[in-house]
């Protein structure tokens, strides 16, 4: 299992970029990335997808090797061909999990990760990788996601048993209340940090 879970990708820490490239044993130009987003070309949020494509290109990944999958239709087997890294973008974690289930991509991600493919999460992409996503609604400094679709089953992909809170700042006190109420521990990640999991090895990139 190879997971790299972040708050904001490698925007503020280039060490994260280096670890991203280490998720495979390939040269950057040969890496195939499945970029998963809730946005479509008609949405205003598509600009963020363009930024991600530009970032990937800046580290040597060919645009033709970036397969974009918008979570608004069923996943085709051709979308998964030769994929090396699954890149799940940020957004509303409740929307992501709901659409992953409806499109069937949740099951495919689990299969690919089990086969040794890399998983790279940004914000919501990191939250959904965990055991549950209710942490997504927590936040006073940065407002948490709204469960406006009234998603009832909040079980995440369970790629890890670690609950991640992205975009953490010391001023955010609500996490302590969440831990107490849910009898759990939350890993707080700032925008400069990432959690790297390779098999049984876990470490914070900072």
C-alpha atoms as a PDB file:
ATOM      1  CA  UNK A   1       0.000   0.000   0.000  1.00  0.00           C
ATOM      2  CA  UNK A   2       1.303   3.429  -0.981  1.00  0.00           C
ATOM      3  CA  UNK A   3      -0.619   6.463   0.230  1.00  0.00           C
ATOM      4  CA  UNK A   4       0.412  10.114   0.280  1.00  0.00           C
ATOM      5  CA  UNK A   5      -2.240  12.190   2.023  1.00  0.00           C
ATOM      6  CA  UNK A   6      -1.987  15.973   2.021  1.00  0.00           C
ATOM      7  CA  UNK A   7      -3.846  19.178   2.763  1.00  0.00           C
ATOM      8  CA  UNK A   8      -2.787  21.168  -0.280  1.00  0.00           C
ATOM      9  CA  UNK A   9      -0.635  18.911  -2.414  1.00  0.00           C
ATOM     10  CA  UNK A  10       2.956  20.136  -2.690  1.00  0.00           C
ATOM     11  CA  UNK A  11       2.090  23.831  -3.029  1.00  0.00           C
ATOM     12  CA  UNK A  12       3.960  24.790   0.145  1.00  0.00           C
ATOM     13  CA  UNK A  13       6.401  21.898   0.527  1.00  0.00           C
ATOM     14  CA  UNK A  14       8.409  20.512  -2.383  1.00  0.00           C
ATOM     15  CA  UNK A  15       9.406  17.467  -0.298  1.00  0.00           C
ATOM     16  CA  UNK A  16       5.848  16.243  -0.888  1.00  0.00           C
ATOM     17  CA  UNK A  17       6.411  16.550  -4.627  1.00  0.00           C
ATOM     18  CA  UNK A  18       9.485  14.336  -4.319  1.00  0.00           C
ATOM     19  CA  UNK A  19       7.497  11.695  -2.425  1.00  0.00           C
ATOM     20  CA  UNK A  20       4.763  11.836  -5.056  1.00  0.00           C
ATOM     21  CA  UNK A  21       7.270  10.854  -7.720  1.00  0.00           C
ATOM     22  CA  UNK A  22       8.557   8.037  -5.501  1.00  0.00           C
ATOM     23  CA  UNK A  23       5.103   6.423  -5.455  1.00  0.00           C
ATOM     24  CA  UNK A  24       6.186   4.669  -8.651  1.00  0.00           C
ATOM     25  CA  UNK A  25       9.498   3.362  -9.958  1.00  0.00           C
ATOM     26  CA  UNK A  26       8.978   5.084 -13.285  1.00  0.00           C
ATOM     27  CA  UNK A  27      10.381   8.163 -14.932  1.00  0.00           C
ATOM     28  CA  UNK A  28       7.918  11.105 -14.635  1.00  0.00           C
ATOM     29  CA  UNK A  29       7.208  11.096 -18.376  1.00  0.00           C
ATOM     30  CA  UNK A  30       5.972   7.500 -18.131  1.00  0.00           C
ATOM     31  CA  UNK A  31       3.755   7.893 -15.060  1.00  0.00           C
ATOM     32  CA  UNK A  32       0.016   7.582 -15.730  1.00  0.00           C
ATOM     33  CA  UNK A  33      -2.216   9.537 -13.343  1.00  0.00           C
ATOM     34  CA  UNK A  34      -5.957   9.089 -12.818  1.00  0.00           C
ATOM     35  CA  UNK A  35      -7.137  12.530 -11.685  1.00  0.00           C
ATOM     36  CA  UNK A  36     -10.478  12.262  -9.883  1.00  0.00           C
ATOM     37  CA  UNK A  37     -12.639  15.353  -9.381  1.00  0.00           C
ATOM     38  CA  UNK A  38     -16.256  16.308  -8.717  1.00  0.00           C
ATOM     39  CA  UNK A  39     -15.942  19.195 -11.186  1.00  0.00           C
ATOM     40  CA  UNK A  40     -16.869  19.128 -14.865  1.00  0.00           C
ATOM     41  CA  UNK A  41     -15.702  21.407 -17.672  1.00  0.00           C
ATOM     42  CA  UNK A  42     -18.871  23.493 -17.283  1.00  0.00           C
ATOM     43  CA  UNK A  43     -18.223  24.213 -13.589  1.00  0.00           C
ATOM     44  CA  UNK A  44     -16.340  27.200 -12.226  1.00  0.00           C
ATOM     45  CA  UNK A  45     -14.268  24.728 -10.161  1.00  0.00           C
ATOM     46  CA  UNK A  46     -12.775  23.309 -13.366  1.00  0.00           C
ATOM     47  CA  UNK A  47     -10.075  25.975 -13.027  1.00  0.00           C
ATOM     48  CA  UNK A  48      -8.674  23.974 -10.109  1.00  0.00           C
ATOM     49  CA  UNK A  49      -8.412  20.909 -12.323  1.00  0.00           C
ATOM     50  CA  UNK A  50      -6.418  22.948 -14.817  1.00  0.00           C
ATOM     51  CA  UNK A  51      -4.069  24.016 -12.020  1.00  0.00           C
ATOM     52  CA  UNK A  52      -3.532  20.368 -11.028  1.00  0.00           C
ATOM     53  CA  UNK A  53      -2.769  19.436 -14.642  1.00  0.00           C
ATOM     54  CA  UNK A  54      -0.267  22.286 -14.852  1.00  0.00           C
ATOM     55  CA  UNK A  55       1.397  21.185 -11.592  1.00  0.00           C
ATOM     56  CA  UNK A  56       1.722  17.615 -12.826  1.00  0.00           C
ATOM     57  CA  UNK A  57       3.175  18.851 -16.083  1.00  0.00           C
ATOM     58  CA  UNK A  58       5.747  20.923 -14.195  1.00  0.00           C
ATOM     59  CA  UNK A  59       7.238  17.747 -12.687  1.00  0.00           C
ATOM     60  CA  UNK A  60       7.543  16.011 -16.031  1.00  0.00           C
ATOM     61  CA  UNK A  61       4.258  14.124 -16.336  1.00  0.00           C
ATOM     62  CA  UNK A  62       2.904  14.195 -19.895  1.00  0.00           C
ATOM     63  CA  UNK A  63      -0.568  15.666 -20.240  1.00  0.00           C
ATOM     64  CA  UNK A  64      -1.569  12.696 -22.411  1.00  0.00           C
ATOM     65  CA  UNK A  65      -0.837  10.485 -19.372  1.00  0.00           C
ATOM     66  CA  UNK A  66      -3.253  12.404 -17.145  1.00  0.00           C
ATOM     67  CA  UNK A  67      -6.662  10.733 -17.255  1.00  0.00           C
ATOM     68  CA  UNK A  68      -9.357  13.000 -15.851  1.00  0.00           C
ATOM     69  CA  UNK A  69     -12.406  11.349 -14.350  1.00  0.00           C
ATOM     70  CA  UNK A  70     -15.291  13.594 -13.290  1.00  0.00           C
ATOM     71  CA  UNK A  71     -17.516  11.850 -10.771  1.00  0.00           C
ATOM     72  CA  UNK A  72     -20.711  12.311 -12.758  1.00  0.00           C
ATOM     73  CA  UNK A  73     -20.800   9.083 -14.767  1.00  0.00           C
ATOM     74  CA  UNK A  74     -19.963   5.397 -14.481  1.00  0.00           C
ATOM     75  CA  UNK A  75     -16.311   4.479 -14.567  1.00  0.00           C
ATOM     76  CA  UNK A  76     -15.157   2.656 -17.701  1.00  0.00           C
ATOM     77  CA  UNK A  77     -12.421  -0.022 -17.576  1.00  0.00           C
ATOM     78  CA  UNK A  78     -10.457   2.061 -20.100  1.00  0.00           C
ATOM     79  CA  UNK A  79     -10.142   4.815 -17.467  1.00  0.00           C
ATOM     80  CA  UNK A  80      -8.079   2.454 -15.323  1.00  0.00           C
ATOM     81  CA  UNK A  81      -5.734   1.134 -17.975  1.00  0.00           C
ATOM     82  CA  UNK A  82      -2.074   1.415 -16.953  1.00  0.00           C
ATOM     83  CA  UNK A  83      -2.850   3.783 -14.035  1.00  0.00           C
ATOM     84  CA  UNK A  84       0.114   4.270 -11.677  1.00  0.00           C
ATOM     85  CA  UNK A  85      -1.235   6.928  -9.305  1.00  0.00           C
ATOM     86  CA  UNK A  86      -4.797   7.777  -8.269  1.00  0.00           C
ATOM     87  CA  UNK A  87      -4.972  11.519  -7.571  1.00  0.00           C
ATOM     88  CA  UNK A  88      -8.105  12.584  -5.677  1.00  0.00           C
ATOM     89  CA  UNK A  89      -8.608  16.351  -5.621  1.00  0.00           C
ATOM     90  CA  UNK A  90     -10.103  18.589  -2.961  1.00  0.00           C
ATOM     91  CA  UNK A  91     -13.696  19.704  -2.552  1.00  0.00           C
ATOM     92  CA  UNK A  92     -16.639  18.653  -0.410  1.00  0.00           C
ATOM     93  CA  UNK A  93     -15.841  15.276   1.173  1.00  0.00           C
ATOM     94  CA  UNK A  94     -19.513  14.289   1.451  1.00  0.00           C
ATOM     95  CA  UNK A  95     -20.074  14.917  -2.254  1.00  0.00           C
ATOM     96  CA  UNK A  96     -16.911  12.991  -3.115  1.00  0.00           C
ATOM     97  CA  UNK A  97     -17.837   9.900  -1.134  1.00  0.00           C
ATOM     98  CA  UNK A  98     -21.404   9.907  -2.427  1.00  0.00           C
ATOM     99  CA  UNK A  99     -20.341  10.168  -6.057  1.00  0.00           C
ATOM    100  CA  UNK A 100     -17.553   7.630  -5.644  1.00  0.00           C
ATOM    101  CA  UNK A 101     -20.137   5.084  -4.568  1.00  0.00           C
ATOM    102  CA  UNK A 102     -22.610   5.974  -7.303  1.00  0.00           C
ATOM    103  CA  UNK A 103     -19.980   5.723 -10.035  1.00  0.00           C
ATOM    104  CA  UNK A 104     -18.342   2.613  -8.603  1.00  0.00           C
ATOM    105  CA  UNK A 105     -14.956   4.303  -8.400  1.00  0.00           C
ATOM    106  CA  UNK A 106     -14.689   3.568  -4.664  1.00  0.00           C
ATOM    107  CA  UNK A 107     -14.387  -0.174  -5.303  1.00  0.00           C
ATOM    108  CA  UNK A 108     -11.946   0.348  -8.169  1.00  0.00           C
ATOM    109  CA  UNK A 109      -9.689   2.551  -6.051  1.00  0.00           C
ATOM    110  CA  UNK A 110      -9.508  -0.135  -3.377  1.00  0.00           C
ATOM    111  CA  UNK A 111      -8.583  -2.747  -5.986  1.00  0.00           C
ATOM    112  CA  UNK A 112      -5.869  -0.565  -7.514  1.00  0.00           C
ATOM    113  CA  UNK A 113      -4.344   0.354  -4.141  1.00  0.00           C
ATOM    114  CA  UNK A 114      -4.347  -3.311  -3.145  1.00  0.00           C
ATOM    115  CA  UNK A 115      -2.423  -4.050  -6.347  1.00  0.00           C
ATOM    116  CA  UNK A 116       0.247  -1.545  -5.364  1.00  0.00           C
ATOM    117  CA  UNK A 117      -0.850   1.582  -7.184  1.00  0.00           C
ATOM    118  CA  UNK A 118      -0.192   4.895  -5.468  1.00  0.00           C
ATOM    119  CA  UNK A 119      -2.940   7.031  -3.924  1.00  0.00           C
ATOM    120  CA  UNK A 120      -2.475  10.790  -3.609  1.00  0.00           C
ATOM    121  CA  UNK A 121      -5.080  12.756  -1.693  1.00  0.00           C
ATOM    122  CA  UNK A 122      -5.583  16.505  -1.454  1.00  0.00           C
ATOM    123  CA  UNK A 123      -7.827  17.784   1.357  1.00  0.00           C
ATOM    124  CA  UNK A 124     -11.151  15.934   0.769  1.00  0.00           C
ATOM    125  CA  UNK A 125      -9.149  13.313  -1.127  1.00  0.00           C
ATOM    126  CA  UNK A 126      -7.231  12.627   2.079  1.00  0.00           C
ATOM    127  CA  UNK A 127     -10.325  12.579   4.280  1.00  0.00           C
ATOM    128  CA  UNK A 128     -12.223  10.019   2.176  1.00  0.00           C
ATOM    129  CA  UNK A 129      -9.226   7.659   2.323  1.00  0.00           C
ATOM    130  CA  UNK A 130      -9.812   7.180   6.046  1.00  0.00           C
ATOM    131  CA  UNK A 131     -12.267   5.115   8.124  1.00  0.00           C
ATOM    132  CA  UNK A 132     -14.986   7.781   8.376  1.00  0.00           C
ATOM    133  CA  UNK A 133     -15.480  11.252   6.900  1.00  0.00           C
ATOM    134  CA  UNK A 134     -17.483  13.013   9.636  1.00  0.00           C
ATOM    135  CA  UNK A 135     -14.336  15.020  10.494  1.00  0.00           C
ATOM    136  CA  UNK A 136     -14.996  16.921   7.244  1.00  0.00           C
ATOM    137  CA  UNK A 137     -17.771  18.947   8.874  1.00  0.00           C
ATOM    138  CA  UNK A 138     -15.514  20.151  11.705  1.00  0.00           C
ATOM    139  CA  UNK A 139     -14.010  23.627  11.620  1.00  0.00           C
ATOM    140  CA  UNK A 140     -14.346  27.175  12.889  1.00  0.00           C
ATOM    141  CA  UNK A 141     -11.165  28.788  11.537  1.00  0.00           C
ATOM    142  CA  UNK A 142     -11.860  27.209   8.155  1.00  0.00           C
ATOM    143  CA  UNK A 143     -15.514  26.254   7.812  1.00  0.00           C
ATOM    144  CA  UNK A 144     -16.104  22.519   7.546  1.00  0.00           C
ATOM    145  CA  UNK A 145     -17.883  20.885   4.625  1.00  0.00           C
ATOM    146  CA  UNK A 146     -21.673  20.886   4.659  1.00  0.00           C
ATOM    147  CA  UNK A 147     -23.439  17.572   4.386  1.00  0.00           C
ATOM    148  CA  UNK A 148     -26.122  19.229   2.285  1.00  0.00           C
ATOM    149  CA  UNK A 149     -26.874  15.962   0.484  1.00  0.00           C
ATOM    150  CA  UNK A 150     -27.679  14.372   3.851  1.00  0.00           C
ATOM    151  CA  UNK A 151     -25.313  11.460   3.304  1.00  0.00           C
ATOM    152  CA  UNK A 152     -26.011   8.891   6.012  1.00  0.00           C
ATOM    153  CA  UNK A 153     -23.279   6.309   5.504  1.00  0.00           C
ATOM    154  CA  UNK A 154     -20.096   8.190   6.370  1.00  0.00           C
ATOM    155  CA  UNK A 155     -17.756   5.203   6.127  1.00  0.00           C
ATOM    156  CA  UNK A 156     -14.693   6.172   4.094  1.00  0.00           C
ATOM    157  CA  UNK A 157     -12.619   4.071   1.702  1.00  0.00           C
ATOM    158  CA  UNK A 158     -10.741   2.577   4.654  1.00  0.00           C
ATOM    159  CA  UNK A 159      -7.399   2.655   2.896  1.00  0.00           C
ATOM    160  CA  UNK A 160      -6.070   3.648   6.314  1.00  0.00           C
ATOM    161  CA  UNK A 161      -7.506   3.706   9.837  1.00  0.00           C
ATOM    162  CA  UNK A 162      -6.131   7.216  10.392  1.00  0.00           C
ATOM    163  CA  UNK A 163      -8.566  10.121  10.500  1.00  0.00           C
ATOM    164  CA  UNK A 164      -7.053  13.192   8.873  1.00  0.00           C
ATOM    165  CA  UNK A 165      -7.902  16.828   9.466  1.00  0.00           C
ATOM    166  CA  UNK A 166      -6.418  18.932   6.618  1.00  0.00           C
ATOM    167  CA  UNK A 167      -5.563  22.663   6.629  1.00  0.00           C
ATOM    168  CA  UNK A 168      -4.906  22.560  10.369  1.00  0.00           C
ATOM    169  CA  UNK A 169      -3.959  25.657  12.351  1.00  0.00           C
ATOM    170  CA  UNK A 170      -3.301  25.903  16.095  1.00  0.00           C
ATOM    171  CA  UNK A 171      -6.315  28.187  16.466  1.00  0.00           C
ATOM    172  CA  UNK A 172      -8.646  25.297  15.560  1.00  0.00           C
ATOM    173  CA  UNK A 173      -9.975  24.025  18.881  1.00  0.00           C
ATOM    174  CA  UNK A 174     -13.016  22.109  17.638  1.00  0.00           C
ATOM    175  CA  UNK A 175     -10.944  19.006  16.846  1.00  0.00           C
ATOM    176  CA  UNK A 176     -10.437  18.289  20.554  1.00  0.00           C
ATOM    177  CA  UNK A 177     -14.198  18.253  21.022  1.00  0.00           C
ATOM    178  CA  UNK A 178     -14.557  15.922  18.032  1.00  0.00           C
ATOM    179  CA  UNK A 179     -11.966  13.513  19.477  1.00  0.00           C
ATOM    180  CA  UNK A 180     -13.717  13.482  22.837  1.00  0.00           C
ATOM    181  CA  UNK A 181     -17.181  12.963  21.388  1.00  0.00           C
ATOM    182  CA  UNK A 182     -16.079  10.239  18.973  1.00  0.00           C
ATOM    183  CA  UNK A 183     -13.433   8.636  21.206  1.00  0.00           C
ATOM    184  CA  UNK A 184     -10.798   8.785  18.535  1.00  0.00           C
ATOM    185  CA  UNK A 185      -7.511  10.410  17.581  1.00  0.00           C
ATOM    186  CA  UNK A 186      -7.245  12.815  14.664  1.00  0.00           C
ATOM    187  CA  UNK A 187      -4.071  13.468  12.707  1.00  0.00           C
ATOM    188  CA  UNK A 188      -3.795  17.190  12.103  1.00  0.00           C
ATOM    189  CA  UNK A 189      -2.039  18.200   8.875  1.00  0.00           C
ATOM    190  CA  UNK A 190      -1.032  21.744   8.001  1.00  0.00           C
ATOM    191  CA  UNK A 191      -0.775  22.828   4.374  1.00  0.00           C
ATOM    192  CA  UNK A 192       2.968  22.125   4.574  1.00  0.00           C
ATOM    193  CA  UNK A 193       2.583  18.543   5.774  1.00  0.00           C
ATOM    194  CA  UNK A 194       1.623  15.143   4.412  1.00  0.00           C
ATOM    195  CA  UNK A 195       1.185  11.625   5.734  1.00  0.00           C
ATOM    196  CA  UNK A 196       3.158   9.001   3.833  1.00  0.00           C
ATOM    197  CA  UNK A 197       2.153   5.352   4.225  1.00  0.00           C
ATOM    198  CA  UNK A 198       4.203   2.650   2.557  1.00  0.00           C
ATOM    199  CA  UNK A 199       3.147  -0.764   3.808  1.00  0.00           C
ATOM    200  CA  UNK A 200       3.528  -0.722   7.593  1.00  0.00           C
ATOM    201  CA  UNK A 201       5.726   2.381   7.561  1.00  0.00           C
ATOM    202  CA  UNK A 202       4.018   5.672   8.350  1.00  0.00           C
ATOM    203  CA  UNK A 203       5.715   9.070   8.593  1.00  0.00           C
ATOM    204  CA  UNK A 204       4.904  12.749   8.413  1.00  0.00           C
ATOM    205  CA  UNK A 205       6.501  14.754   5.609  1.00  0.00           C
ATOM    206  CA  UNK A 206       7.232  18.285   6.812  1.00  0.00           C
END
